All heavy atoms as atom14 arrays in JSON, in Angstrom:
{
  "sequence": "LGHQTWLVQGGGHRVLIDPVLKEAFGLPGQAECRVWPPRRIDAGLMPS",
  "atom14_mask": [
    [1, 1, 1, 1, 1, 1, 1, 1, 0, 0, 0, 0, 0, 0],
    [1, 1, 1, 1, 0, 0, 0, 0, 0, 0, 0, 0, 0, 0],
    [1, 1, 1, 1, 1, 1, 1, 1, 1, 1, 0, 0, 0, 0],
    [1, 1, 1, 1, 1, 1, 1, 1, 1, 0, 0, 0, 0, 0],
    [1, 1, 1, 1, 1, 1, 1, 0, 0, 0, 0, 0, 0, 0],
    [1, 1, 1, 1, 1, 1, 1, 1, 1, 1, 1, 1, 1, 1],
    [1, 1, 1, 1, 1, 1, 1, 1, 0, 0, 0, 0, 0, 0],
    [1, 1, 1, 1, 1, 1, 1, 0, 0, 0, 0, 0, 0, 0],
    [1, 1, 1, 1, 1, 1, 1, 1, 1, 0, 0, 0, 0, 0],
    [1, 1, 1, 1, 0, 0, 0, 0, 0, 0, 0, 0, 0, 0],
    [1, 1, 1, 1, 0, 0, 0, 0, 0, 0, 0, 0, 0, 0],
    [1, 1, 1, 1, 0, 0, 0, 0, 0, 0, 0, 0, 0, 0],
    [1, 1, 1, 1, 1, 1, 1, 1, 1, 1, 0, 0, 0, 0],
    [1, 1, 1, 1, 1, 1, 1, 1, 1, 1, 1, 0, 0, 0],
    [1, 1, 1, 1, 1, 1, 1, 0, 0, 0, 0, 0, 0, 0],
    [1, 1, 1, 1, 1, 1, 1, 1, 0, 0, 0, 0, 0, 0],
    [1, 1, 1, 1, 1, 1, 1, 1, 0, 0, 0, 0, 0, 0],
    [1, 1, 1, 1, 1, 1, 1, 1, 0, 0, 0, 0, 0, 0],
    [1, 1, 1, 1, 1, 1, 1, 0, 0, 0, 0, 0, 0, 0],
    [1, 1, 1, 1, 1, 1, 1, 0, 0, 0, 0, 0, 0, 0],
    [1, 1, 1, 1, 1, 1, 1, 1, 0, 0, 0, 0, 0, 0],
    [1, 1, 1, 1, 1, 1, 1, 1, 1, 0, 0, 0, 0, 0],
    [1, 1, 1, 1, 1, 1, 1, 1, 1, 0, 0, 0, 0, 0],
    [1, 1, 1, 1, 1, 0, 0, 0, 0, 0, 0, 0, 0, 0],
    [1, 1, 1, 1, 1, 1, 1, 1, 1, 1, 1, 0, 0, 0],
    [1, 1, 1, 1, 0, 0, 0, 0, 0, 0, 0, 0, 0, 0],
    [1, 1, 1, 1, 1, 1, 1, 1, 0, 0, 0, 0, 0, 0],
    [1, 1, 1, 1, 1, 1, 1, 0, 0, 0, 0, 0, 0, 0],
    [1, 1, 1, 1, 0, 0, 0, 0, 0, 0, 0, 0, 0, 0],
    [1, 1, 1, 1, 1, 1, 1, 1, 1, 0, 0, 0, 0, 0],
    [1, 1, 1, 1, 1, 0, 0, 0, 0, 0, 0, 0, 0, 0],
    [1, 1, 1, 1, 1, 1, 1, 1, 1, 0, 0, 0, 0, 0],
    [1, 1, 1, 1, 1, 1, 0, 0, 0, 0, 0, 0, 0, 0],
    [1, 1, 1, 1, 1, 1, 1, 1, 1, 1, 1, 0, 0, 0],
    [1, 1, 1, 1, 1, 1, 1, 0, 0, 0, 0, 0, 0, 0],
    [1, 1, 1, 1, 1, 1, 1, 1, 1, 1, 1, 1, 1, 1],
    [1, 1, 1, 1, 1, 1, 1, 0, 0, 0, 0, 0, 0, 0],
    [1, 1, 1, 1, 1, 1, 1, 0, 0, 0, 0, 0, 0, 0],
    [1, 1, 1, 1, 1, 1, 1, 1, 1, 1, 1, 0, 0, 0],
    [1, 1, 1, 1, 1, 1, 1, 1, 1, 1, 1, 0, 0, 0],
    [1, 1, 1, 1, 1, 1, 1, 1, 0, 0, 0, 0, 0, 0],
    [1, 1, 1, 1, 1, 1, 1, 1, 0, 0, 0, 0, 0, 0],
    [1, 1, 1, 1, 1, 0, 0, 0, 0, 0, 0, 0, 0, 0],
    [1, 1, 1, 1, 0, 0, 0, 0, 0, 0, 0, 0, 0, 0],
    [1, 1, 1, 1, 1, 1, 1, 1, 0, 0, 0, 0, 0, 0],
    [1, 1, 1, 1, 1, 1, 1, 1, 0, 0, 0, 0, 0, 0],
    [1, 1, 1, 1, 1, 1, 1, 0, 0, 0, 0, 0, 0, 0],
    [1, 1, 1, 1, 1, 1, 0, 0, 0, 0, 0, 0, 0, 0]
  ],
  "atom14_positions": [
    [[-13.28, -17.02, -13.57], [-12.28, -17.06, -12.49], [-12.84, -16.6, -11.15], [-12.12, -16.53, -10.18], [-11.06, -16.21, -12.88], [-10.37, -16.61, -14.18], [-9.15, -15.73, -14.42], [-9.98, -18.08, -14.18], [0.0, 0.0, 0.0], [0.0, 0.0, 0.0], [0.0, 0.0, 0.0], [0.0, 0.0, 0.0], [0.0, 0.0, 0.0], [0.0, 0.0, 0.0]],
    [[-14.1, -16.28, -11.11], [-14.72, -15.84, -9.87], [-15.13, -14.38, -9.92], [-14.49, -13.56, -10.57], [0.0, 0.0, 0.0], [0.0, 0.0, 0.0], [0.0, 0.0, 0.0], [0.0, 0.0, 0.0], [0.0, 0.0, 0.0], [0.0, 0.0, 0.0], [0.0, 0.0, 0.0], [0.0, 0.0, 0.0], [0.0, 0.0, 0.0], [0.0, 0.0, 0.0]],
    [[-16.21, -14.08, -9.26], [-16.83, -12.77, -9.2], [-17.13, -12.26, -10.61], [-18.0, -12.78, -11.25], [-15.99, -11.78, -8.39], [-16.79, -10.58, -7.98], [-17.82, -10.66, -7.07], [-16.74, -9.31, -8.39], [-18.37, -9.47, -6.94], [-17.74, -8.64, -7.74], [0.0, 0.0, 0.0], [0.0, 0.0, 0.0], [0.0, 0.0, 0.0], [0.0, 0.0, 0.0]],
    [[-16.41, -11.26, -11.1], [-16.66, -10.71, -12.45], [-15.52, -11.02, -13.42], [-15.49, -10.47, -14.52], [-16.84, -9.19, -12.37], [-17.91, -8.73, -11.4], [-19.3, -9.19, -11.8], [-19.57, -9.55, -12.94], [-20.2, -9.19, -10.84], [0.0, 0.0, 0.0], [0.0, 0.0, 0.0], [0.0, 0.0, 0.0], [0.0, 0.0, 0.0], [0.0, 0.0, 0.0]],
    [[-14.59, -11.84, -13.05], [-13.37, -12.07, -13.83], [-13.51, -13.25, -14.79], [-13.89, -14.34, -14.38], [-12.18, -12.31, -12.88], [-12.08, -11.21, -11.98], [-10.88, -12.44, -13.64], [0.0, 0.0, 0.0], [0.0, 0.0, 0.0], [0.0, 0.0, 0.0], [0.0, 0.0, 0.0], [0.0, 0.0, 0.0], [0.0, 0.0, 0.0], [0.0, 0.0, 0.0]],
    [[-13.16, -12.98, -16.04], [-13.21, -14.01, -17.08], [-11.9, -14.03, -17.85], [-11.29, -12.99, -18.08], [-14.32, -13.7, -18.09], [-15.69, -13.9, -17.54], [-16.43, -13.0, -16.83], [-16.48, -15.08, -17.64], [-17.64, -13.54, -16.49], [-17.69, -14.81, -16.97], [-16.29, -16.32, -18.22], [-18.7, -15.76, -16.88], [-17.3, -17.26, -18.14], [-18.49, -16.97, -17.47]],
    [[-11.48, -15.23, -18.27], [-10.37, -15.4, -19.2], [-10.98, -16.03, -20.45], [-11.55, -17.12, -20.39], [-9.29, -16.29, -18.61], [-8.08, -16.55, -19.5], [-7.34, -15.24, -19.78], [-7.14, -17.56, -18.86], [0.0, 0.0, 0.0], [0.0, 0.0, 0.0], [0.0, 0.0, 0.0], [0.0, 0.0, 0.0], [0.0, 0.0, 0.0], [0.0, 0.0, 0.0]],
    [[-10.9, -15.31, -21.56], [-11.48, -15.75, -22.83], [-10.34, -16.05, -23.78], [-9.42, -15.23, -23.93], [-12.42, -14.67, -23.41], [-13.0, -15.12, -24.73], [-13.53, -14.33, -22.41], [0.0, 0.0, 0.0], [0.0, 0.0, 0.0], [0.0, 0.0, 0.0], [0.0, 0.0, 0.0], [0.0, 0.0, 0.0], [0.0, 0.0, 0.0], [0.0, 0.0, 0.0]],
    [[-10.41, -17.21, -24.42], [-9.34, -17.62, -25.32], [-9.94, -18.06, -26.65], [-10.95, -18.76, -26.68], [-8.56, -18.77, -24.7], [-7.41, -19.26, -25.52], [-6.59, -20.3, -24.76], [-6.3, -20.11, -23.6], [-6.25, -21.38, -25.43], [0.0, 0.0, 0.0], [0.0, 0.0, 0.0], [0.0, 0.0, 0.0], [0.0, 0.0, 0.0], [0.0, 0.0, 0.0]],
    [[-9.31, -17.64, -27.75], [-9.74, -18.05, -29.07], [-8.8, -17.5, -30.12], [-8.21, -16.44, -29.93], [0.0, 0.0, 0.0], [0.0, 0.0, 0.0], [0.0, 0.0, 0.0], [0.0, 0.0, 0.0], [0.0, 0.0, 0.0], [0.0, 0.0, 0.0], [0.0, 0.0, 0.0], [0.0, 0.0, 0.0], [0.0, 0.0, 0.0], [0.0, 0.0, 0.0]],
    [[-8.65, -18.21, -31.19], [-7.79, -17.76, -32.27], [-6.34, -17.55, -31.85], [-5.63, -16.71, -32.4], [0.0, 0.0, 0.0], [0.0, 0.0, 0.0], [0.0, 0.0, 0.0], [0.0, 0.0, 0.0], [0.0, 0.0, 0.0], [0.0, 0.0, 0.0], [0.0, 0.0, 0.0], [0.0, 0.0, 0.0], [0.0, 0.0, 0.0], [0.0, 0.0, 0.0]],
    [[-5.92, -18.29, -30.84], [-4.53, -18.17, -30.37], [-4.29, -16.98, -29.46], [-3.14, -16.65, -29.17], [0.0, 0.0, 0.0], [0.0, 0.0, 0.0], [0.0, 0.0, 0.0], [0.0, 0.0, 0.0], [0.0, 0.0, 0.0], [0.0, 0.0, 0.0], [0.0, 0.0, 0.0], [0.0, 0.0, 0.0], [0.0, 0.0, 0.0], [0.0, 0.0, 0.0]],
    [[-5.33, -16.32, -29.0], [-5.19, -15.15, -28.12], [-5.97, -15.35, -26.83], [-6.99, -16.04, -26.81], [-5.69, -13.89, -28.82], [-4.93, -13.58, -30.06], [-3.68, -13.04, -30.04], [-5.25, -13.75, -31.36], [-3.25, -12.88, -31.28], [-4.2, -13.32, -32.11], [0.0, 0.0, 0.0], [0.0, 0.0, 0.0], [0.0, 0.0, 0.0], [0.0, 0.0, 0.0]],
    [[-5.49, -14.71, -25.76], [-6.16, -14.75, -24.46], [-6.47, -13.33, -24.02], [-5.6, -12.46, -24.05], [-5.25, -15.36, -23.41], [-5.09, -16.82, -23.48], [-4.25, -17.31, -22.29], [-3.68, -18.57, -22.62], [-2.45, -18.75, -23.12], [-1.65, -17.74, -23.3], [-2.04, -19.96, -23.41], [0.0, 0.0, 0.0], [0.0, 0.0, 0.0], [0.0, 0.0, 0.0]],
    [[-7.69, -13.1, -23.58], [-8.1, -11.79, -23.08], [-8.64, -11.98, -21.66], [-9.51, -12.82, -21.43], [-9.18, -11.15, -23.98], [-9.65, -9.82, -23.41], [-8.64, -10.97, -25.4], [0.0, 0.0, 0.0], [0.0, 0.0, 0.0], [0.0, 0.0, 0.0], [0.0, 0.0, 0.0], [0.0, 0.0, 0.0], [0.0, 0.0, 0.0], [0.0, 0.0, 0.0]],
    [[-8.12, -11.19, -20.75], [-8.55, -11.21, -19.36], [-9.5, -10.04, -19.16], [-9.16, -8.89, -19.46], [-7.33, -11.09, -18.45], [-7.53, -11.28, -16.96], [-8.11, -12.65, -16.65], [-6.2, -11.08, -16.25], [0.0, 0.0, 0.0], [0.0, 0.0, 0.0], [0.0, 0.0, 0.0], [0.0, 0.0, 0.0], [0.0, 0.0, 0.0], [0.0, 0.0, 0.0]],
    [[-10.7, -10.32, -18.68], [-11.73, -9.3, -18.52], [-11.97, -9.03, -17.04], [-12.2, -9.96, -16.26], [-13.04, -9.73, -19.2], [-12.79, -10.01, -20.69], [-14.13, -8.67, -19.02], [-13.94, -10.68, -21.4], [0.0, 0.0, 0.0], [0.0, 0.0, 0.0], [0.0, 0.0, 0.0], [0.0, 0.0, 0.0], [0.0, 0.0, 0.0], [0.0, 0.0, 0.0]],
    [[-11.88, -7.76, -16.66], [-12.14, -7.3, -15.28], [-11.41, -8.15, -14.24], [-12.03, -8.75, -13.35], [-13.64, -7.29, -15.0], [-14.37, -6.22, -15.79], [-13.72, -5.27, -16.25], [-15.6, -6.33, -15.92], [0.0, 0.0, 0.0], [0.0, 0.0, 0.0], [0.0, 0.0, 0.0], [0.0, 0.0, 0.0], [0.0, 0.0, 0.0], [0.0, 0.0, 0.0]],
    [[-10.07, -8.19, -14.3], [-9.35, -9.07, -13.39], [-9.38, -8.64, -11.93], [-8.95, -7.55, -11.57], [-7.92, -9.03, -13.93], [-7.8, -7.73, -14.65], [-9.17, -7.45, -15.19], [0.0, 0.0, 0.0], [0.0, 0.0, 0.0], [0.0, 0.0, 0.0], [0.0, 0.0, 0.0], [0.0, 0.0, 0.0], [0.0, 0.0, 0.0], [0.0, 0.0, 0.0]],
    [[-9.95, -9.51, -11.11], [-9.81, -9.45, -9.66], [-9.16, -10.78, -9.3], [-9.84, -11.81, -9.22], [-11.15, -9.24, -8.94], [-10.96, -9.29, -7.43], [-11.77, -7.92, -9.34], [0.0, 0.0, 0.0], [0.0, 0.0, 0.0], [0.0, 0.0, 0.0], [0.0, 0.0, 0.0], [0.0, 0.0, 0.0], [0.0, 0.0, 0.0], [0.0, 0.0, 0.0]],
    [[-7.85, -10.78, -9.14], [-7.08, -12.0, -8.97], [-6.75, -12.3, -7.52], [-6.17, -13.34, -7.21], [-5.79, -11.92, -9.8], [-6.01, -11.65, -11.29], [-4.69, -11.48, -12.0], [-6.85, -12.74, -11.93], [0.0, 0.0, 0.0], [0.0, 0.0, 0.0], [0.0, 0.0, 0.0], [0.0, 0.0, 0.0], [0.0, 0.0, 0.0], [0.0, 0.0, 0.0]],
    [[-7.1, -11.4, -6.64], [-6.88, -11.61, -5.2], [-8.15, -12.19, -4.59], [-9.17, -12.33, -5.25], [-6.53, -10.27, -4.55], [-5.29, -9.62, -5.14], [-4.17, -9.77, -4.21], [-2.93, -9.08, -4.76], [-1.82, -9.27, -3.88], [0.0, 0.0, 0.0], [0.0, 0.0, 0.0], [0.0, 0.0, 0.0], [0.0, 0.0, 0.0], [0.0, 0.0, 0.0]],
    [[-8.11, -12.5, -3.3], [-9.26, -13.11, -2.62], [-10.31, -12.08, -2.23], [-11.43, -12.45, -1.87], [-8.78, -13.87, -1.4], [-7.91, -15.05, -1.76], [-7.33, -15.73, -0.53], [-7.95, -15.69, 0.53], [-6.24, -16.3, -0.67], [0.0, 0.0, 0.0], [0.0, 0.0, 0.0], [0.0, 0.0, 0.0], [0.0, 0.0, 0.0], [0.0, 0.0, 0.0]],
    [[-9.95, -10.8, -2.28], [-10.89, -9.74, -1.89], [-10.59, -8.48, -2.69], [-9.53, -8.34, -3.29], [-10.79, -9.45, -0.4], [0.0, 0.0, 0.0], [0.0, 0.0, 0.0], [0.0, 0.0, 0.0], [0.0, 0.0, 0.0], [0.0, 0.0, 0.0], [0.0, 0.0, 0.0], [0.0, 0.0, 0.0], [0.0, 0.0, 0.0], [0.0, 0.0, 0.0]],
    [[-11.55, -7.57, -2.71], [-11.37, -6.27, -3.36], [-12.0, -5.22, -2.46], [-12.67, -5.53, -1.49], [-12.0, -6.26, -4.76], [-13.48, -6.55, -4.74], [-14.4, -5.52, -4.64], [-13.94, -7.85, -4.83], [-15.76, -5.79, -4.62], [-15.3, -8.13, -4.8], [-16.21, -7.1, -4.7], [0.0, 0.0, 0.0], [0.0, 0.0, 0.0], [0.0, 0.0, 0.0]],
    [[-11.81, -3.97, -2.8], [-12.37, -2.89, -2.0], [-11.29, -2.23, -1.17], [-10.12, -2.24, -1.52], [0.0, 0.0, 0.0], [0.0, 0.0, 0.0], [0.0, 0.0, 0.0], [0.0, 0.0, 0.0], [0.0, 0.0, 0.0], [0.0, 0.0, 0.0], [0.0, 0.0, 0.0], [0.0, 0.0, 0.0], [0.0, 0.0, 0.0], [0.0, 0.0, 0.0]],
    [[-11.67, -1.67, -0.05], [-10.75, -0.95, 0.82], [-10.39, -1.82, 2.02], [-11.23, -2.03, 2.9], [-11.37, 0.37, 1.28], [-11.83, 1.3, 0.15], [-12.59, 2.49, 0.72], [-10.64, 1.77, -0.66], [0.0, 0.0, 0.0], [0.0, 0.0, 0.0], [0.0, 0.0, 0.0], [0.0, 0.0, 0.0], [0.0, 0.0, 0.0], [0.0, 0.0, 0.0]],
    [[-9.15, -2.33, 2.07], [-8.76, -3.21, 3.17], [-9.03, -2.56, 4.53], [-8.68, -1.42, 4.77], [-7.26, -3.43, 2.95], [-7.06, -3.18, 1.49], [-8.06, -2.11, 1.12], [0.0, 0.0, 0.0], [0.0, 0.0, 0.0], [0.0, 0.0, 0.0], [0.0, 0.0, 0.0], [0.0, 0.0, 0.0], [0.0, 0.0, 0.0], [0.0, 0.0, 0.0]],
    [[-9.69, -3.31, 5.4], [-9.98, -2.84, 6.74], [-11.16, -1.89, 6.83], [-11.58, -1.53, 7.92], [0.0, 0.0, 0.0], [0.0, 0.0, 0.0], [0.0, 0.0, 0.0], [0.0, 0.0, 0.0], [0.0, 0.0, 0.0], [0.0, 0.0, 0.0], [0.0, 0.0, 0.0], [0.0, 0.0, 0.0], [0.0, 0.0, 0.0], [0.0, 0.0, 0.0]],
    [[-11.7, -1.47, 5.68], [-12.83, -0.54, 5.71], [-14.05, -1.12, 5.0], [-15.08, -1.32, 5.63], [-12.44, 0.78, 5.04], [-11.36, 1.53, 5.77], [-10.98, 2.79, 5.03], [-11.76, 3.33, 4.26], [-9.77, 3.27, 5.25], [0.0, 0.0, 0.0], [0.0, 0.0, 0.0], [0.0, 0.0, 0.0], [0.0, 0.0, 0.0], [0.0, 0.0, 0.0]],
    [[-13.93, -1.36, 3.74], [-15.04, -1.9, 2.95], [-14.49, -2.99, 2.04], [-14.52, -2.87, 0.83], [-15.69, -0.79, 2.14], [0.0, 0.0, 0.0], [0.0, 0.0, 0.0], [0.0, 0.0, 0.0], [0.0, 0.0, 0.0], [0.0, 0.0, 0.0], [0.0, 0.0, 0.0], [0.0, 0.0, 0.0], [0.0, 0.0, 0.0], [0.0, 0.0, 0.0]],
    [[-13.97, -4.04, 2.66], [-13.38, -5.12, 1.89], [-14.44, -6.18, 1.6], [-15.17, -6.59, 2.5], [-12.21, -5.73, 2.66], [-11.41, -6.7, 1.84], [-10.14, -7.12, 2.55], [-10.24, -7.82, 3.58], [-9.06, -6.75, 2.1], [0.0, 0.0, 0.0], [0.0, 0.0, 0.0], [0.0, 0.0, 0.0], [0.0, 0.0, 0.0], [0.0, 0.0, 0.0]],
    [[-14.51, -6.6, 0.35], [-15.49, -7.61, -0.07], [-14.75, -8.85, -0.54], [-13.79, -8.76, -1.3], [-16.34, -7.06, -1.22], [-17.24, -5.58, -0.79], [0.0, 0.0, 0.0], [0.0, 0.0, 0.0], [0.0, 0.0, 0.0], [0.0, 0.0, 0.0], [0.0, 0.0, 0.0], [0.0, 0.0, 0.0], [0.0, 0.0, 0.0], [0.0, 0.0, 0.0]],
    [[-15.2, -10.0, -0.1], [-14.6, -11.27, -0.51], [-15.12, -11.66, -1.89], [-16.29, -11.44, -2.2], [-14.94, -12.37, 0.5], [-14.62, -12.05, 1.94], [-13.17, -11.86, 2.22], [-12.43, -13.11, 2.07], [-11.1, -13.16, 2.08], [-10.39, -12.09, 2.24], [-10.49, -14.3, 1.92], [0.0, 0.0, 0.0], [0.0, 0.0, 0.0], [0.0, 0.0, 0.0]],
    [[-14.26, -12.25, -2.68], [-14.64, -12.73, -4.0], [-15.5, -13.98, -3.83], [-15.24, -14.82, -2.98], [-13.38, -13.05, -4.84], [-13.74, -13.79, -6.11], [-12.63, -11.78, -5.16], [0.0, 0.0, 0.0], [0.0, 0.0, 0.0], [0.0, 0.0, 0.0], [0.0, 0.0, 0.0], [0.0, 0.0, 0.0], [0.0, 0.0, 0.0], [0.0, 0.0, 0.0]],
    [[-16.57, -14.07, -4.65], [-17.43, -15.24, -4.63], [-17.5, -15.87, -6.0], [-17.68, -15.14, -6.97], [-18.84, -14.87, -4.17], [-19.67, -16.09, -3.97], [-20.59, -16.58, -4.84], [-19.6, -16.99, -2.88], [-21.12, -17.74, -4.34], [-20.51, -18.02, -3.13], [-18.85, -17.04, -1.71], [-20.71, -19.07, -2.27], [-19.04, -18.09, -0.86], [-19.96, -19.09, -1.14]],
    [[-17.35, -17.14, -6.16], [-17.05, -18.1, -5.11], [-15.61, -17.95, -4.61], [-14.74, -17.51, -5.37], [-17.26, -19.45, -5.79], [-17.07, -19.19, -7.24], [-17.49, -17.77, -7.47], [0.0, 0.0, 0.0], [0.0, 0.0, 0.0], [0.0, 0.0, 0.0], [0.0, 0.0, 0.0], [0.0, 0.0, 0.0], [0.0, 0.0, 0.0], [0.0, 0.0, 0.0]],
    [[-15.36, -18.3, -3.34], [-14.0, -18.18, -2.8], [-13.03, -19.0, -3.64], [-13.34, -20.11, -4.07], [-14.11, -18.76, -1.39], [-15.57, -18.71, -1.06], [-16.29, -18.84, -2.36], [0.0, 0.0, 0.0], [0.0, 0.0, 0.0], [0.0, 0.0, 0.0], [0.0, 0.0, 0.0], [0.0, 0.0, 0.0], [0.0, 0.0, 0.0], [0.0, 0.0, 0.0]],
    [[-11.87, -18.42, -3.9], [-10.85, -19.13, -4.68], [-9.51, -18.42, -4.5], [-9.43, -17.28, -4.04], [-11.22, -19.27, -6.15], [-11.71, -18.01, -6.88], [-10.72, -16.99, -7.04], [-11.13, -15.89, -7.91], [-10.59, -14.72, -7.76], [-9.76, -14.48, -6.81], [-10.91, -13.74, -8.58], [0.0, 0.0, 0.0], [0.0, 0.0, 0.0], [0.0, 0.0, 0.0]],
    [[-8.45, -19.11, -4.86], [-7.11, -18.54, -4.86], [-6.55, -18.69, -6.27], [-6.66, -19.76, -6.88], [-6.2, -19.29, -3.9], [-6.38, -18.91, -2.49], [-5.12, -19.25, -1.75], [-4.99, -18.32, -0.65], [-4.58, -18.67, 0.54], [-4.24, -19.9, 0.78], [-4.5, -17.77, 1.48], [0.0, 0.0, 0.0], [0.0, 0.0, 0.0], [0.0, 0.0, 0.0]],
    [[-5.96, -17.61, -6.78], [-5.34, -17.65, -8.1], [-3.88, -17.31, -7.94], [-3.53, -16.29, -7.35], [-6.02, -16.64, -9.05], [-7.46, -17.06, -9.32], [-5.23, -16.5, -10.35], [-8.24, -16.1, -10.17], [0.0, 0.0, 0.0], [0.0, 0.0, 0.0], [0.0, 0.0, 0.0], [0.0, 0.0, 0.0], [0.0, 0.0, 0.0], [0.0, 0.0, 0.0]],
    [[-3.02, -18.17, -8.47], [-1.59, -17.88, -8.5], [-1.32, -17.26, -9.87], [-1.24, -17.96, -10.88], [-0.79, -19.16, -8.3], [0.7, -18.91, -8.22], [1.17, -17.85, -8.72], [1.4, -19.76, -7.66], [0.0, 0.0, 0.0], [0.0, 0.0, 0.0], [0.0, 0.0, 0.0], [0.0, 0.0, 0.0], [0.0, 0.0, 0.0], [0.0, 0.0, 0.0]],
    [[-1.22, -15.94, -9.9], [-1.04, -15.22, -11.17], [0.23, -15.66, -11.89], [0.3, -15.6, -13.11], [-1.04, -13.72, -10.93], [0.0, 0.0, 0.0], [0.0, 0.0, 0.0], [0.0, 0.0, 0.0], [0.0, 0.0, 0.0], [0.0, 0.0, 0.0], [0.0, 0.0, 0.0], [0.0, 0.0, 0.0], [0.0, 0.0, 0.0], [0.0, 0.0, 0.0]],
    [[1.22, -16.14, -11.15], [2.45, -16.62, -11.76], [2.26, -17.9, -12.55], [3.03, -18.19, -13.47], [0.0, 0.0, 0.0], [0.0, 0.0, 0.0], [0.0, 0.0, 0.0], [0.0, 0.0, 0.0], [0.0, 0.0, 0.0], [0.0, 0.0, 0.0], [0.0, 0.0, 0.0], [0.0, 0.0, 0.0], [0.0, 0.0, 0.0], [0.0, 0.0, 0.0]],
    [[1.24, -18.68, -12.22], [0.96, -19.92, -12.93], [-0.1, -19.75, -14.02], [-0.26, -20.61, -14.88], [0.49, -21.0, -11.94], [1.51, -21.44, -10.9], [0.88, -22.44, -9.94], [2.75, -22.02, -11.55], [0.0, 0.0, 0.0], [0.0, 0.0, 0.0], [0.0, 0.0, 0.0], [0.0, 0.0, 0.0], [0.0, 0.0, 0.0], [0.0, 0.0, 0.0]],
    [[-0.8, -18.63, -13.96], [-1.86, -18.36, -14.92], [-1.25, -18.03, -16.29], [-0.23, -17.34, -16.35], [-2.69, -17.17, -14.42], [-3.89, -16.86, -15.25], [-4.86, -15.51, -14.54], [-3.85, -14.12, -14.97], [0.0, 0.0, 0.0], [0.0, 0.0, 0.0], [0.0, 0.0, 0.0], [0.0, 0.0, 0.0], [0.0, 0.0, 0.0], [0.0, 0.0, 0.0]],
    [[-1.83, -18.52, -17.38], [-1.3, -18.15, -18.7], [-1.38, -16.63, -18.88], [-2.38, -16.0, -18.51], [-2.19, -18.87, -19.69], [-3.33, -19.43, -18.93], [-3.01, -19.36, -17.48], [0.0, 0.0, 0.0], [0.0, 0.0, 0.0], [0.0, 0.0, 0.0], [0.0, 0.0, 0.0], [0.0, 0.0, 0.0], [0.0, 0.0, 0.0], [0.0, 0.0, 0.0]],
    [[-0.33, -16.06, -19.42], [-0.28, -14.61, -19.6], [-1.3, -14.17, -20.66], [-1.35, -14.74, -21.75], [1.11, -14.19, -20.04], [1.17, -12.79, -20.19], [0.0, 0.0, 0.0], [0.0, 0.0, 0.0], [0.0, 0.0, 0.0], [0.0, 0.0, 0.0], [0.0, 0.0, 0.0], [0.0, 0.0, 0.0], [0.0, 0.0, 0.0], [0.0, 0.0, 0.0]]
  ]
}
């Protein structure tokens, strides 16, 4: 899903690893880092 975020699915289960679902992380206005590759995730549309 970008940067360090993975969605792993198997055996009828989904596991989200290290979720960074926004476009950036860090301290807004101070040390904000953009996710690479750039992307937008609508968490409401993502499988739970």
